Protein backbone atom coordinates (compact mmCIF):
# COMPACT_ATOMS: atom_id res chain seq x y z
CA MET A 1 -33.37 32.65 -5.81
CA PRO A 2 -30.28 30.92 -7.20
CA THR A 3 -30.21 27.16 -6.98
CA LYS A 4 -27.64 25.11 -5.09
CA GLU A 5 -26.04 24.16 -8.38
CA ASP A 6 -25.46 27.85 -9.30
CA PRO A 7 -21.72 28.62 -8.88
CA ASP A 8 -22.52 32.36 -8.51
CA ARG A 9 -25.01 31.93 -5.70
CA TRP A 10 -22.78 33.69 -3.17
CA ALA A 11 -21.90 36.48 -5.60
CA ARG A 12 -25.59 36.99 -6.35
CA LEU A 13 -26.39 37.34 -2.63
CA ARG A 14 -23.51 39.73 -1.99
CA PHE A 15 -24.43 41.87 -4.96
CA ALA A 16 -28.08 41.94 -3.84
CA ILE A 17 -26.92 43.35 -0.48
CA ILE A 18 -24.27 45.80 -1.73
CA GLY A 19 -25.88 46.65 -5.07
CA PRO A 20 -28.22 49.39 -3.72
CA LEU A 21 -25.24 51.24 -2.20
CA LEU A 22 -23.43 51.08 -5.57
CA ALA A 23 -26.49 52.32 -7.46
CA ALA A 24 -27.10 55.24 -5.01
CA PRO A 25 -23.85 56.03 -3.17
CA PRO A 26 -24.63 57.37 0.33
CA PRO A 27 -23.64 60.96 1.18
CA ARG A 28 -20.28 61.60 2.79
CA GLY A 29 -20.24 60.47 6.41
CA THR A 30 -23.34 58.24 6.19
CA LEU A 31 -21.75 55.04 4.78
CA ARG A 32 -21.11 53.57 8.21
CA GLY A 33 -24.74 53.99 9.22
CA GLU A 34 -25.95 52.33 6.00
CA LEU A 35 -23.67 49.33 6.50
CA GLU A 36 -24.67 48.99 10.16
CA ALA A 37 -28.34 48.98 9.11
CA LEU A 38 -27.64 46.21 6.60
CA ALA A 39 -25.79 44.24 9.30
CA GLN A 40 -28.97 44.17 11.39
CA LYS A 41 -31.03 42.55 8.63
CA ASN A 42 -31.59 38.82 8.11
CA TRP A 43 -30.67 37.34 4.75
CA ARG A 44 -31.46 33.95 3.26
CA HIS A 45 -28.50 31.62 3.14
CA PRO A 46 -27.84 30.75 -0.55
CA VAL A 47 -27.13 27.08 0.19
CA ASN A 48 -29.40 25.84 2.97
CA GLY A 49 -31.98 28.64 2.94
CA THR A 50 -31.70 29.54 6.65
CA ALA A 51 -31.64 33.11 8.01
CA VAL A 52 -28.16 34.57 8.26
CA ARG A 53 -26.58 37.94 9.18
CA PHE A 54 -23.29 39.49 8.06
CA SER A 55 -21.06 41.70 10.20
CA PHE A 56 -20.26 45.33 9.55
CA ALA A 57 -16.65 44.46 8.65
CA THR A 58 -17.76 41.85 6.12
CA LEU A 59 -20.17 44.23 4.44
CA GLU A 60 -17.56 46.98 4.37
CA ARG A 61 -15.05 44.63 2.72
CA TRP A 62 -17.61 43.65 0.06
CA TYR A 63 -18.47 47.30 -0.63
CA TYR A 64 -14.89 48.45 -1.20
CA ALA A 65 -14.12 45.32 -3.25
CA ALA A 66 -16.93 46.07 -5.71
CA ARG A 67 -17.01 49.89 -5.71
CA HIS A 68 -14.33 50.65 -8.32
CA THR A 69 -14.53 47.50 -10.47
CA GLN A 70 -15.97 47.20 -13.96
CA ASP A 71 -17.87 44.01 -13.07
CA PRO A 72 -18.87 43.99 -9.38
CA VAL A 73 -20.37 40.49 -9.60
CA ILE A 74 -17.01 39.00 -10.51
CA ALA A 75 -15.34 40.95 -7.70
CA LEU A 76 -17.84 39.53 -5.21
CA ARG A 77 -17.34 35.91 -6.25
CA ARG A 78 -15.57 33.44 -4.04
CA HIS A 79 -12.03 33.09 -5.32
CA ALA A 80 -10.34 29.73 -5.48
CA ARG A 81 -7.69 29.10 -2.87
CA ASP A 82 -4.09 28.95 -3.99
CA ASP A 83 -3.87 25.36 -2.83
CA ALA A 84 -7.18 24.30 -4.44
CA GLY A 85 -6.91 20.84 -5.94
CA ALA A 86 -3.84 20.01 -3.91
CA PHE A 87 -3.86 17.39 -1.17
CA ARG A 88 -1.49 18.66 1.50
CA GLN A 89 -2.09 15.67 3.74
CA LEU A 90 -0.87 13.25 1.05
CA SER A 91 2.88 12.91 0.76
CA ALA A 92 4.59 12.39 -2.57
CA ALA A 93 5.55 8.84 -1.58
CA LEU A 94 1.95 8.01 -0.64
CA ILE A 95 0.62 9.45 -3.91
CA GLN A 96 3.17 7.43 -5.90
CA ALA A 97 2.27 4.23 -4.04
CA LEU A 98 -1.45 4.81 -4.58
CA THR A 99 -0.99 5.55 -8.30
CA THR A 100 1.14 2.44 -8.83
CA GLN A 101 -1.34 0.32 -6.90
CA TYR A 102 -4.32 1.61 -8.91
CA ARG A 103 -2.62 0.97 -12.26
CA ALA A 104 -1.87 -2.60 -11.19
CA TYR A 105 -5.34 -3.25 -9.73
CA PRO A 106 -7.94 -0.90 -11.29
CA GLY A 107 -10.75 -3.24 -10.26
CA TRP A 108 -10.23 -2.76 -6.53
CA THR A 109 -12.63 -0.74 -4.41
CA VAL A 110 -11.41 2.39 -2.56
CA GLN A 111 -11.61 0.49 0.73
CA LEU A 112 -9.41 -2.29 -0.61
CA HIS A 113 -6.86 0.26 -1.86
CA TYR A 114 -6.84 1.92 1.56
CA ASP A 115 -6.41 -1.38 3.40
CA ASN A 116 -3.45 -2.29 1.19
CA LEU A 117 -1.88 1.12 1.76
CA GLN A 118 -2.19 0.52 5.50
CA ALA A 119 -0.41 -2.82 5.14
CA ALA A 120 2.29 -1.24 2.96
CA ALA A 121 2.81 1.63 5.44
CA GLU A 122 3.68 -0.85 8.18
CA GLN A 123 6.61 -2.06 6.07
CA GLU A 124 7.60 1.29 4.51
CA PRO A 125 7.82 4.15 7.02
CA ALA A 126 8.07 6.65 4.14
CA LEU A 127 4.32 6.26 3.60
CA LEU A 128 3.58 7.50 7.12
CA PRO A 129 1.63 9.33 8.30
CA LEU A 130 -1.17 7.61 6.39
CA SER A 131 -4.09 9.88 5.50
CA SER A 132 -7.67 9.01 6.35
CA TYR A 133 -9.95 6.94 4.18
CA SER A 134 -12.02 9.99 3.18
CA THR A 135 -8.88 11.82 2.01
CA ILE A 136 -7.80 8.84 -0.09
CA ARG A 137 -11.28 8.57 -1.54
CA ARG A 138 -11.41 12.29 -2.44
CA TYR A 139 -8.00 12.09 -4.08
CA MET A 140 -8.94 9.08 -6.20
CA LYS A 141 -12.21 10.70 -7.21
CA ALA A 142 -10.45 13.94 -8.17
CA ARG A 143 -7.91 12.07 -10.31
CA GLY A 144 -10.53 9.92 -12.04
CA TYR A 145 -9.34 6.72 -10.39
CA HIS A 146 -12.70 5.01 -10.66
CA ARG A 147 -13.19 1.31 -10.21
CA LYS A 148 -12.90 -0.56 -13.51
CA ARG A 149 -14.66 -3.86 -13.56
CA THR A 150 -13.12 -6.83 -15.32
CA PRO A 151 -14.62 -7.38 -18.80
CA LYS A 152 -17.26 -10.10 -18.89
CA ARG A 153 -15.24 -11.79 -21.60
CA ASN A 154 -11.57 -11.61 -20.75
CA THR A 155 -10.51 -12.14 -24.36
CA PRO A 156 -8.26 -10.07 -26.64
CA GLY A 157 -11.34 -8.54 -28.26
CA GLY A 158 -12.90 -7.73 -24.90
CA ARG A 159 -9.70 -6.12 -23.63
CA GLN A 160 -9.38 -4.12 -26.84
CA ALA A 161 -12.94 -2.84 -26.47
CA GLU A 162 -12.23 -1.89 -22.86
CA ALA A 163 -9.12 0.06 -23.88
CA ARG A 164 -11.05 1.81 -26.66
CA LEU A 165 -13.76 2.85 -24.21
CA GLU A 166 -11.12 4.40 -21.95
CA GLN A 167 -9.41 6.33 -24.76
CA LEU A 168 -12.39 7.58 -26.77
CA GLU A 169 -15.36 9.60 -25.58
CA VAL A 170 -18.92 8.28 -25.69
CA ARG A 171 -21.65 10.59 -27.03
CA SER A 172 -25.39 10.18 -27.41
CA TYR A 173 -26.73 10.39 -30.95
CA GLU A 174 -30.04 10.42 -32.79
CA ALA A 175 -31.02 10.05 -36.44
CA GLU A 176 -32.38 13.26 -37.90
CA TYR A 177 -35.42 11.73 -39.60
CA VAL A 178 -37.89 8.93 -39.04
CA GLN A 179 -36.85 5.70 -40.80
CA GLY A 180 -33.29 6.98 -41.01
CA LEU A 181 -31.99 4.25 -38.68
CA TRP A 182 -33.42 1.15 -37.04
CA HIS A 183 -31.98 -0.82 -34.14
CA ALA A 184 -32.33 -4.61 -33.87
CA ASP A 185 -31.38 -6.93 -31.06
CA PHE A 186 -32.34 -10.08 -29.12
CA HIS A 187 -33.17 -10.06 -25.41
CA HIS A 188 -33.21 -13.09 -23.11
CA GLY A 189 -36.47 -12.96 -21.20
CA SER A 190 -36.84 -13.27 -17.44
CA ARG A 191 -39.83 -15.63 -17.60
CA GLN A 192 -40.12 -19.18 -18.89
CA VAL A 193 -42.88 -20.40 -21.19
CA LEU A 194 -44.42 -23.84 -21.51
CA THR A 195 -44.01 -25.46 -24.92
CA THR A 196 -46.27 -28.03 -26.57
CA GLU A 197 -43.68 -30.70 -25.72
CA GLY A 198 -44.25 -29.99 -22.02
CA ALA A 199 -40.90 -28.29 -21.45
CA TRP A 200 -40.13 -24.99 -19.75
CA VAL A 201 -37.87 -22.80 -21.90
CA THR A 202 -36.68 -19.20 -21.70
CA PRO A 203 -37.76 -17.30 -24.83
CA LEU A 204 -35.90 -14.49 -26.59
CA LEU A 205 -37.49 -11.20 -27.58
CA LEU A 206 -36.55 -9.84 -31.02
CA CYS A 207 -37.24 -6.14 -31.41
CA PHE A 208 -36.78 -3.45 -34.08
CA ILE A 209 -36.85 0.20 -32.93
CA ASP A 210 -36.83 3.39 -34.99
CA ASP A 211 -33.99 5.57 -33.72
CA HIS A 212 -35.63 8.99 -34.09
CA SER A 213 -39.12 8.23 -32.80
CA ARG A 214 -38.35 5.25 -30.50
CA LEU A 215 -41.29 3.49 -32.15
CA VAL A 216 -41.27 -0.31 -31.96
CA CYS A 217 -41.48 -1.41 -35.59
CA HIS A 218 -42.00 -5.04 -34.56
CA LEU A 219 -41.25 -7.26 -31.58
CA GLN A 220 -41.83 -10.98 -31.13
CA TRP A 221 -40.78 -13.78 -28.80
CA TYR A 222 -38.92 -16.78 -30.24
CA LEU A 223 -37.36 -19.94 -28.87
CA ASN A 224 -33.93 -19.51 -30.49
CA GLU A 225 -31.66 -16.91 -32.03
CA THR A 226 -30.98 -17.80 -35.66
CA ALA A 227 -30.77 -16.03 -39.00
CA GLU A 228 -34.11 -17.55 -39.98
CA VAL A 229 -35.77 -16.06 -36.90
CA LEU A 230 -34.13 -12.68 -37.51
CA VAL A 231 -35.30 -12.55 -41.12
CA HIS A 232 -38.77 -13.71 -40.10
CA GLY A 233 -39.12 -10.82 -37.64
CA LEU A 234 -37.47 -8.28 -39.95
CA CYS A 235 -39.85 -9.03 -42.81
CA GLN A 236 -42.80 -8.35 -40.51
CA ALA A 237 -41.24 -5.05 -39.36
CA LEU A 238 -40.66 -3.98 -42.97
CA GLN A 239 -44.24 -4.81 -43.96
CA LYS A 240 -45.58 -2.88 -40.96
CA ARG A 241 -43.50 0.31 -41.18
CA GLY A 242 -41.75 0.37 -44.58
CA LEU A 243 -38.10 0.22 -45.60
CA PRO A 244 -35.60 2.18 -43.45
CA ARG A 245 -32.34 3.61 -44.70
CA ALA A 246 -30.07 1.78 -42.26
CA LEU A 247 -30.22 -1.05 -39.72
CA MET A 248 -27.87 -1.32 -36.74
CA THR A 249 -27.19 -4.69 -35.09
CA ASP A 250 -24.51 -6.27 -32.98
CA ASN A 251 -22.02 -8.84 -34.25
CA GLY A 252 -23.93 -12.02 -33.40
CA ALA A 253 -23.89 -15.01 -35.70
CA ALA A 254 -27.46 -14.37 -36.84
CA MET A 255 -26.65 -10.72 -37.59
CA LYS A 256 -23.69 -11.65 -39.78
CA ALA A 257 -25.49 -14.33 -41.80
CA GLU A 258 -25.06 -14.02 -45.55
CA GLU A 259 -28.82 -14.18 -46.12
CA LEU A 260 -29.37 -11.08 -43.97
CA LYS A 261 -26.54 -9.08 -45.52
CA SER A 262 -27.61 -10.02 -49.04
CA GLY A 263 -31.26 -9.17 -48.33
CA LEU A 264 -30.46 -5.78 -46.85
CA HIS A 265 -28.25 -4.99 -49.83
CA GLU A 266 -30.99 -6.11 -52.22
CA LEU A 267 -33.49 -3.79 -50.49
CA GLY A 268 -31.12 -0.82 -50.34
CA ILE A 269 -30.75 -0.85 -46.53
CA LEU A 270 -27.33 -0.02 -45.09
CA HIS A 271 -26.23 -2.61 -42.54
CA GLU A 272 -24.27 -1.04 -39.68
CA THR A 273 -22.82 -3.14 -36.86
CA THR A 274 -21.64 -2.05 -33.43
CA LEU A 275 -18.03 -2.42 -32.41
CA PRO A 276 -17.22 -5.78 -30.77
CA TYR A 277 -18.09 -5.91 -27.04
CA SER A 278 -19.60 -2.40 -27.21
CA PRO A 279 -23.34 -2.71 -26.47
CA TYR A 280 -23.50 0.95 -25.43
CA GLN A 281 -23.59 1.86 -29.14
CA ASN A 282 -27.01 0.25 -29.29
CA ALA A 283 -28.12 1.96 -26.06
CA LYS A 284 -31.65 2.78 -27.21
CA GLN A 285 -32.31 -0.92 -27.58
CA GLU A 286 -30.78 -1.66 -24.18
CA THR A 287 -32.95 1.04 -22.60
CA PHE A 288 -36.04 -0.51 -24.13
CA TRP A 289 -35.20 -3.86 -22.52
CA ALA A 290 -35.32 -2.15 -19.12
CA THR A 291 -38.79 -0.83 -20.00
CA VAL A 292 -39.93 -4.31 -21.03
CA GLU A 293 -38.69 -5.89 -17.81
CA GLY A 294 -39.84 -3.05 -15.55
CA ARG A 295 -43.38 -2.76 -16.91
CA LEU A 296 -44.48 -5.64 -19.14
CA MET A 297 -42.75 -8.53 -17.40
CA ALA A 298 -43.54 -7.06 -13.98
CA MET A 299 -47.25 -7.25 -14.78
CA LEU A 300 -46.87 -10.92 -15.77
CA GLU A 301 -45.43 -12.04 -12.43
CA GLY A 302 -48.78 -13.47 -11.30
CA VAL A 303 -49.38 -15.44 -14.53
CA SER A 304 -48.49 -19.05 -13.81
CA GLU A 305 -49.06 -20.83 -17.13
CA LEU A 306 -47.52 -18.71 -19.87
CA THR A 307 -47.23 -20.05 -23.41
CA LEU A 308 -45.29 -18.51 -26.27
CA GLU A 309 -48.48 -17.74 -28.18
CA ARG A 310 -50.08 -15.98 -25.22
CA LEU A 311 -46.90 -14.08 -24.40
CA ASN A 312 -46.67 -12.78 -27.96
CA ALA A 313 -50.31 -11.66 -27.97
CA ILE A 314 -49.84 -9.79 -24.68
CA THR A 315 -46.59 -8.20 -25.85
CA GLN A 316 -48.10 -6.92 -29.10
CA ALA A 317 -51.04 -5.36 -27.26
CA TRP A 318 -48.74 -3.76 -24.65
CA ALA A 319 -46.48 -2.22 -27.31
CA GLU A 320 -49.33 -0.76 -29.38
CA GLN A 321 -51.65 0.41 -26.60
CA GLU A 322 -49.25 1.32 -23.78
CA TYR A 323 -45.68 1.95 -24.95
CA HIS A 324 -46.48 3.75 -28.21
CA GLN A 325 -49.01 6.07 -26.58
CA ASN A 326 -47.16 7.00 -23.39
CA LEU A 327 -44.96 10.06 -23.06
CA HIS A 328 -41.30 9.26 -23.70
CA SER A 329 -39.11 11.33 -21.37
CA GLU A 330 -36.21 11.52 -23.83
CA ILE A 331 -38.14 12.87 -26.84
CA GLY A 332 -40.83 14.79 -24.94
CA THR A 333 -43.75 13.18 -26.79
CA THR A 334 -45.17 9.76 -27.55
CA PRO A 335 -43.30 7.48 -29.97
CA LEU A 336 -46.36 7.11 -32.19
CA LYS A 337 -46.92 10.87 -32.46
CA ARG A 338 -43.31 11.55 -33.32
CA PHE A 339 -43.26 8.75 -35.88
CA LEU A 340 -46.29 10.21 -37.66
CA GLU A 341 -45.39 13.90 -37.49
CA VAL A 342 -41.65 14.04 -38.22
CA THR A 343 -40.37 13.87 -41.79
CA SER A 344 -39.78 10.28 -42.89
CA VAL A 345 -37.09 9.08 -45.29
CA GLY A 346 -38.53 5.57 -45.52
CA ARG A 347 -39.75 3.78 -48.62
CA ASP A 348 -42.60 1.47 -49.48
CA CYS A 349 -42.05 -2.19 -48.72
CA PRO A 350 -42.27 -4.74 -51.57
CA ASP A 351 -44.60 -7.73 -51.42
CA SER A 352 -43.97 -10.89 -49.43
CA GLN A 353 -42.63 -12.81 -52.41
CA ALA A 354 -40.03 -10.13 -53.14
CA LEU A 355 -38.94 -10.11 -49.49
CA ARG A 356 -38.64 -13.88 -49.46
CA ARG A 357 -36.49 -13.82 -52.58
CA ALA A 358 -34.30 -11.00 -51.24
CA PHE A 359 -33.07 -12.72 -48.08
CA ARG A 360 -31.06 -15.48 -49.71
CA CYS A 361 -27.37 -16.15 -50.17
CA THR A 362 -25.65 -16.48 -53.53
CA VAL A 363 -23.18 -19.31 -54.12
CA THR A 364 -21.54 -21.14 -57.02
CA ARG A 365 -21.30 -24.92 -57.22
CA LYS A 366 -19.49 -27.22 -59.61
CA GLN A 367 -21.90 -29.23 -61.76
CA ARG A 368 -21.33 -32.98 -62.01
CA ARG A 369 -21.10 -33.85 -65.68
CA SER A 370 -22.17 -37.41 -65.00
CA ASP A 371 -25.74 -36.64 -63.89
CA GLY A 372 -26.04 -32.82 -64.07
CA THR A 373 -26.46 -32.13 -60.33
CA ILE A 374 -24.97 -29.80 -57.73
CA SER A 375 -24.71 -30.14 -53.96
CA LEU A 376 -26.39 -27.71 -51.50
CA GLU A 377 -26.46 -28.26 -47.74
CA GLY A 378 -25.71 -31.96 -48.19
CA LYS A 379 -28.48 -32.48 -50.78
CA ARG A 380 -28.20 -32.84 -54.53
CA PHE A 381 -30.22 -30.66 -56.90
CA GLU A 382 -30.77 -31.29 -60.60
CA ILE A 383 -29.71 -28.65 -63.15
CA PRO A 384 -32.09 -28.40 -66.16
CA VAL A 385 -30.64 -30.14 -69.17
CA ARG A 386 -30.54 -26.92 -71.21
CA TYR A 387 -27.98 -25.57 -68.74
CA ARG A 388 -25.78 -28.66 -68.69
CA HIS A 389 -22.97 -26.68 -70.35
CA LEU A 390 -22.50 -24.50 -67.24
CA GLU A 391 -19.42 -25.68 -65.38
CA CYS A 392 -20.04 -23.70 -62.17
CA PRO A 393 -23.66 -22.53 -62.07
CA MET A 394 -24.64 -19.73 -59.68
CA VAL A 395 -27.63 -20.31 -57.41
CA ARG A 396 -29.52 -18.37 -54.72
CA TYR A 397 -31.19 -19.97 -51.73
CA ALA A 398 -31.88 -19.66 -48.01
CA ARG A 399 -30.32 -22.34 -45.87
CA TRP A 400 -33.53 -22.78 -43.89
CA ASP A 401 -35.77 -23.07 -46.96
CA LEU A 402 -34.57 -25.37 -49.75
CA ARG A 403 -37.95 -25.26 -51.48
CA ALA A 404 -37.00 -22.14 -53.42
CA VAL A 405 -33.56 -22.71 -54.91
CA GLU A 406 -33.04 -20.64 -58.06
CA LEU A 407 -30.46 -20.79 -60.82
CA ILE A 408 -29.48 -17.22 -61.68
CA ASP A 409 -27.66 -15.45 -64.48
CA PRO A 410 -24.16 -14.59 -63.16
CA ARG A 411 -24.07 -11.35 -65.16
CA ALA A 412 -27.58 -9.90 -64.81
CA LEU A 413 -28.27 -11.71 -61.49
CA THR A 414 -31.76 -12.51 -62.73
CA PRO A 415 -33.45 -15.89 -62.06
CA LEU A 416 -33.24 -18.47 -64.82
CA SER A 417 -34.95 -21.52 -63.40
CA LEU A 418 -36.06 -23.21 -60.19
CA LEU A 419 -33.97 -26.16 -59.05
CA TYR A 420 -35.50 -29.23 -57.43
CA PRO A 421 -33.90 -31.96 -55.32
CA LEU A 422 -32.68 -35.11 -57.02
CA ASN A 423 -35.48 -37.71 -57.06
CA LYS A 424 -33.77 -41.05 -57.52
CA ALA A 425 -37.00 -43.01 -57.20
CA ALA A 426 -38.58 -41.09 -60.08
CA ASN A 427 -35.46 -41.47 -62.18
CA ALA A 428 -35.55 -45.24 -61.69
CA ASN A 429 -38.40 -45.64 -64.22
CA GLY A 430 -35.87 -45.51 -67.02
CA GLN A 431 -37.48 -42.69 -68.99
CA ARG A 432 -34.95 -40.20 -70.32
CA ARG A 433 -35.36 -37.08 -72.44
CA ALA A 434 -33.41 -36.70 -75.64
CA LEU A 435 -30.57 -34.23 -75.30
CA GLN A 436 -30.85 -31.14 -77.43
CA PRO A 437 -27.65 -29.86 -79.01
CA THR A 438 -26.03 -27.02 -77.09
CA GLN A 439 -24.92 -25.39 -80.40
CA THR A 440 -26.86 -24.48 -83.52
CA GLY A 441 -25.78 -25.32 -87.06
CA PRO A 442 -25.15 -28.47 -89.16
CA ALA A 443 -23.40 -31.49 -87.70
CA PRO A 444 -19.78 -32.04 -88.78
CA ARG A 445 -19.40 -34.02 -92.14
CA GLN A 446 -17.63 -37.35 -92.39
CA SER A 447 -14.77 -37.05 -94.92
CA ASP A 448 -11.49 -38.82 -95.88
CA GLU A 449 -9.76 -35.48 -96.21
CA LEU A 450 -7.09 -34.94 -93.58
CA PRO A 451 -7.22 -31.93 -91.31
CA PRO A 452 -5.04 -28.94 -92.26
CA LEU A 453 -2.44 -29.54 -89.55
CA LEU A 454 -1.78 -33.15 -90.66
CA ARG A 455 -1.55 -32.08 -94.29
CA LYS A 456 1.03 -29.47 -93.34
CA CYS A 457 3.07 -32.03 -91.35
CA LEU A 458 3.15 -34.47 -94.28
CA ALA A 459 4.19 -31.74 -96.73
CA ASP A 460 6.98 -30.50 -94.47
CA TYR A 461 8.25 -34.03 -93.87
CA ALA A 462 8.24 -34.81 -97.64
CA ALA A 463 10.20 -31.61 -98.27
CA THR A 464 13.04 -32.92 -96.11
CA GLY A 465 13.67 -35.82 -98.57
CA ARG A 466 13.99 -38.37 -95.79
CA PRO A 467 12.29 -41.80 -96.02
CA PRO A 468 9.58 -42.71 -93.52
CA ALA A 469 11.16 -43.33 -90.09
CA TYR A 470 9.81 -46.84 -89.60
CA LEU A 471 10.28 -50.35 -91.01
CA PRO A 472 7.10 -52.05 -92.25
CA HIS A 473 6.33 -55.52 -90.90
CA PRO A 474 5.96 -58.05 -93.70
CA ALA A 475 2.94 -59.84 -92.25
CA SER A 476 1.16 -56.59 -91.50
CA GLU A 477 1.80 -55.14 -94.95
CA LYS A 478 0.25 -58.22 -96.60
CA ASP A 479 -3.02 -57.64 -94.76
CA THR A 480 -3.27 -54.10 -96.16
């Protein structure tokens, strides 16, 4: 039986009734009796499923319409009316007024548009007679005049994103392989946690999801959204699942930090960002937040005293034991099964020390010749004396961890030496190392011989034949 969504449901019913007569044409003079017999039968309505009968005239019309055609099903279809899609009850003036009103106020509801048309019709008789609300609603729906909500951020960037969404289509996508693409994002939780300081704060959930398998590579609750927190969670995800080929984030401050971009480049991970004010590009992450709120956080409604440590322990157990092992409606299997069975393009993760050294920014600073120091984040660091000849040394460091500041070779980008903060108290003991020469070879000799340039000047001046251009002072000449 054809479904209600089947556009050929009426043609299928008509062909099922008339088809036997087309397959075995009745003898001459018996067609009327065959059609009258069919008119006495009950048939199932193709839309609501009730019993229905068709008259002799209707069946006769169907038979002659399909008898001499190449495709009888097409002949038995319902044909569109000549005025289909047209709104005869809407005048041209009313359509023009509605179109102008919608362009000026796309955020209005249909009811508000209709009420304003009623008010306008009282002042402009050309808009009368005014059609009903249902007619106005059908017309707006047919023309795609849907309500457009005002952007949350009414800024030039927000308006540009809104215009782009109207002009370009939106399509779902999926990476072809496991580890081909990860998604990362922060989510503001719906529950507060109690900190050790005795304050109630709303934590943020950081999560990394594999695009192909929907597997949660790592998720953890934090108290703030910073680059340090993002790198801390990312390093755990990399150590758990390996290195992906690409990572997609939004354009938040933490996502655009130099430490993150440098670390991803160092590890060979392509950093892709969504368009500004376009969270739908990271829709898999947004869908996961709905799962977190609808299942995990719903089960925590009765927990009164919730700490960050306890929330993280519960969240990890829920992700591994419930989310990863439940059927995902979009992929037709569990995330864990798909992650393990589908071809992976990931790579092995380096050790913790290599990860820590990767997520750092690279900067150059001018070295003070007076004491051989540079300034980083408002603190002074001492350059080893053997590198005192470098005018602008290049260093790598993370702004949240000044314990591992390294001087690097600007050409090979390899580490040369660790740099330590200036310790003025230790330097106050007066002990100083002897400076080693920065060049090799013998020291310059002391000699009375003039340099070549001065000898040339004296020879050229003597060749002119002029006397020395000064008058000697008598008292001064006596002393020499």
